[in-house]
C-alpha atoms as a PDB file:
ATOM      1  CA  MET A   1      88.331-118.514  30.056  1.00  0.00           C
ATOM      2  CA  LYS A   2      85.577-117.514  32.455  1.00  0.00           C
ATOM      3  CA  SER A   3      82.005-118.587  31.763  1.00  0.00           C
ATOM      4  CA  ASP A   4      80.813-114.972  31.430  1.00  0.00           C
ATOM      5  CA  SER A   5      83.081-114.642  28.340  1.00  0.00           C
ATOM      6  CA  THR A   6      85.235-111.918  29.898  1.00  0.00           C
ATOM      7  CA  VAL A   7      88.846-112.393  28.818  1.00  0.00           C
ATOM      8  CA  ARG A   8      91.341-111.738  31.619  1.00  0.00           C
ATOM      9  CA  VAL A   9      94.498-110.133  30.171  1.00  0.00           C
ATOM     10  CA  ALA A  10      97.957-109.073  31.373  1.00  0.00           C
ATOM     11  CA  VAL A  11     100.400-106.752  29.587  1.00  0.00           C
ATOM     12  CA  ILE A  12     104.140-107.246  30.041  1.00  0.00           C
ATOM     13  CA  GLY A  13     106.247-104.215  29.183  1.00  0.00           C
ATOM     14  CA  LEU A  14     104.823-100.719  29.614  1.00  0.00           C
ATOM     15  CA  GLY A  15     106.688 -98.685  27.044  1.00  0.00           C
ATOM     16  CA  LYS A  16     104.787 -96.840  24.315  1.00  0.00           C
ATOM     17  CA  MET A  17     103.241 -99.978  22.826  1.00  0.00           C
ATOM     18  CA  GLY A  18     102.513-101.574  26.199  1.00  0.00           C
ATOM     19  CA  LEU A  19     100.711 -98.510  27.506  1.00  0.00           C
ATOM     20  CA  LEU A  20      98.764 -98.263  24.253  1.00  0.00           C
ATOM     21  CA  HIS A  21      97.717-101.926  24.420  1.00  0.00           C
ATOM     22  CA  ALA A  22      96.849-101.713  28.126  1.00  0.00           C
ATOM     23  CA  SER A  23      94.751 -98.576  27.599  1.00  0.00           C
ATOM     24  CA  LEU A  24      92.861-100.055  24.660  1.00  0.00           C
ATOM     25  CA  LEU A  25      92.301-103.369  26.425  1.00  0.00           C
ATOM     26  CA  SER A  26      90.993-101.669  29.564  1.00  0.00           C
ATOM     27  CA  ALA A  27      88.388 -99.850  27.450  1.00  0.00           C
ATOM     28  CA  MET A  28      87.031-103.025  25.829  1.00  0.00           C
ATOM     29  CA  PRO A  29      83.796-104.303  27.427  1.00  0.00           C
ATOM     30  CA  GLU A  30      84.599-108.032  27.120  1.00  0.00           C
ATOM     31  CA  VAL A  31      88.183-107.667  28.379  1.00  0.00           C
ATOM     32  CA  LYS A  32      89.372-107.313  31.963  1.00  0.00           C
ATOM     33  CA  LEU A  33      92.894-105.906  32.234  1.00  0.00           C
ATOM     34  CA  CYS A  34      94.053-107.815  35.309  1.00  0.00           C
ATOM     35  CA  ALA A  35      97.773-107.159  35.491  1.00  0.00           C
ATOM     36  CA  VAL A  36     100.641-105.126  34.065  1.00  0.00           C
ATOM     37  CA  CYS A  37     104.342-105.781  34.524  1.00  0.00           C
ATOM     38  CA  ASP A  38     107.426-103.618  34.002  1.00  0.00           C
ATOM     39  CA  LYS A  39     110.877-103.235  35.571  1.00  0.00           C
ATOM     40  CA  SER A  40     110.859 -99.425  35.731  1.00  0.00           C
ATOM     41  CA  LYS A  41     109.880 -98.069  39.136  1.00  0.00           C
ATOM     42  CA  LEU A  42     108.729 -94.786  37.549  1.00  0.00           C
ATOM     43  CA  ILE A  43     106.496 -96.602  35.052  1.00  0.00           C
ATOM     44  CA  LEU A  44     105.086 -98.785  37.838  1.00  0.00           C
ATOM     45  CA  ARG A  45     104.274 -95.741  39.976  1.00  0.00           C
ATOM     46  CA  ILE A  46     102.487 -94.064  37.051  1.00  0.00           C
ATOM     47  CA  SER A  47     100.693 -97.308  36.139  1.00  0.00           C
ATOM     48  CA  ARG A  48      99.269 -97.629  39.646  1.00  0.00           C
ATOM     49  CA  LYS A  49      97.631 -94.223  39.186  1.00  0.00           C
ATOM     50  CA  ILE A  50      96.329 -94.924  35.671  1.00  0.00           C
ATOM     51  CA  PHE A  51      95.162 -98.532  36.120  1.00  0.00           C
ATOM     52  CA  ARG A  52      93.581 -98.427  39.583  1.00  0.00           C
ATOM     53  CA  ASP A  53      91.970-101.892  39.726  1.00  0.00           C
ATOM     54  CA  VAL A  54      94.874-103.690  38.060  1.00  0.00           C
ATOM     55  CA  GLN A  55      97.673-105.702  39.663  1.00  0.00           C
ATOM     56  CA  VAL A  56     100.941-103.821  38.963  1.00  0.00           C
ATOM     57  CA  VAL A  57     104.122-105.869  39.371  1.00  0.00           C
ATOM     58  CA  ASP A  58     107.828-105.689  38.588  1.00  0.00           C
ATOM     59  CA  ASP A  59     108.393-109.447  38.271  1.00  0.00           C
ATOM     60  CA  LEU A  60     106.561-112.026  36.158  1.00  0.00           C
ATOM     61  CA  GLN A  61     106.701-114.567  38.961  1.00  0.00           C
ATOM     62  CA  LYS A  62     104.269-112.366  40.901  1.00  0.00           C
ATOM     63  CA  LEU A  63     101.645-113.116  38.237  1.00  0.00           C
ATOM     64  CA  ALA A  64     101.713-116.851  38.910  1.00  0.00           C
ATOM     65  CA  GLY A  65      98.262-118.076  39.854  1.00  0.00           C
ATOM     66  CA  SER A  66      96.548-114.913  38.581  1.00  0.00           C
ATOM     67  CA  ASN A  67      94.075-116.870  36.413  1.00  0.00           C
ATOM     68  CA  ILE A  68      95.003-114.917  33.267  1.00  0.00           C
ATOM     69  CA  ASP A  69      93.578-115.982  29.879  1.00  0.00           C
ATOM     70  CA  ALA A  70      95.949-114.010  27.615  1.00  0.00           C
ATOM     71  CA  VAL A  71      99.231-112.120  27.879  1.00  0.00           C
ATOM     72  CA  TYR A  72     100.458-109.308  25.640  1.00  0.00           C
ATOM     73  CA  VAL A  73     104.275-109.212  25.638  1.00  0.00           C
ATOM     74  CA  THR A  74     105.301-105.740  24.471  1.00  0.00           C
ATOM     75  CA  THR A  75     108.938-105.671  25.517  1.00  0.00           C
ATOM     76  CA  PRO A  76     111.665-104.794  22.996  1.00  0.00           C
ATOM     77  CA  SER A  77     113.022-107.921  21.310  1.00  0.00           C
ATOM     78  CA  ALA A  78     116.518-107.131  22.640  1.00  0.00           C
ATOM     79  CA  ARG A  79     115.237-107.903  26.149  1.00  0.00           C
ATOM     80  CA  THR A  80     113.872-111.282  25.123  1.00  0.00           C
ATOM     81  CA  PRO A  81     116.640-113.016  23.156  1.00  0.00           C
ATOM     82  CA  ASN A  82     115.464-116.010  21.109  1.00  0.00           C
ATOM     83  CA  ASN A  83     111.908-115.391  22.388  1.00  0.00           C
ATOM     84  CA  LYS A  84     112.752-117.053  25.708  1.00  0.00           C
ATOM     85  CA  TYR A  85     110.254-115.610  28.142  1.00  0.00           C
ATOM     86  CA  PRO A  86     110.332-116.446  31.843  1.00  0.00           C
ATOM     87  CA  ASP A  87     108.171-119.394  32.895  1.00  0.00           C
ATOM     88  CA  GLY A  88     105.677-117.122  34.643  1.00  0.00           C
ATOM     89  CA  ALA A  89     104.751-115.516  31.317  1.00  0.00           C
ATOM     90  CA  THR A  90     103.986-118.724  29.498  1.00  0.00           C
ATOM     91  CA  ARG A  91     102.855-121.261  32.050  1.00  0.00           C
ATOM     92  CA  SER A  92      99.151-120.572  32.571  1.00  0.00           C
ATOM     93  CA  PRO A  93      97.694-118.253  29.902  1.00  0.00           C
ATOM     94  CA  ASN A  94      95.916-119.836  26.965  1.00  0.00           C
ATOM     95  CA  THR A  95      97.127-117.154  24.545  1.00  0.00           C
ATOM     96  CA  ILE A  96     100.337-115.135  24.320  1.00  0.00           C
ATOM     97  CA  MET A  97     100.470-112.147  21.976  1.00  0.00           C
ATOM     98  CA  ILE A  98     103.795-110.525  21.157  1.00  0.00           C
ATOM     99  CA  GLY A  99     103.631-106.923  19.980  1.00  0.00           C
END
């Protein structure tokens, strides 16, 4: 975590819950929403308009080296069988939250 106590967060999956989490996180003063990730091109296009200063990606590997403190994984469980998330989602963050 950064010395100024700002928590850098990414949200993976931008369905209803992901958009809700991302919106709430971006409004919190001690949280910096740094990145969002989804496979849907439509959702990505909308996200770029809503979250202007946030990295918007379609692949977790593009988040490697992003210096993220926590990740919210809000994808449906059917897309993540046996809770096996790609390496990019679990390699560097200190905290992973599954919603």
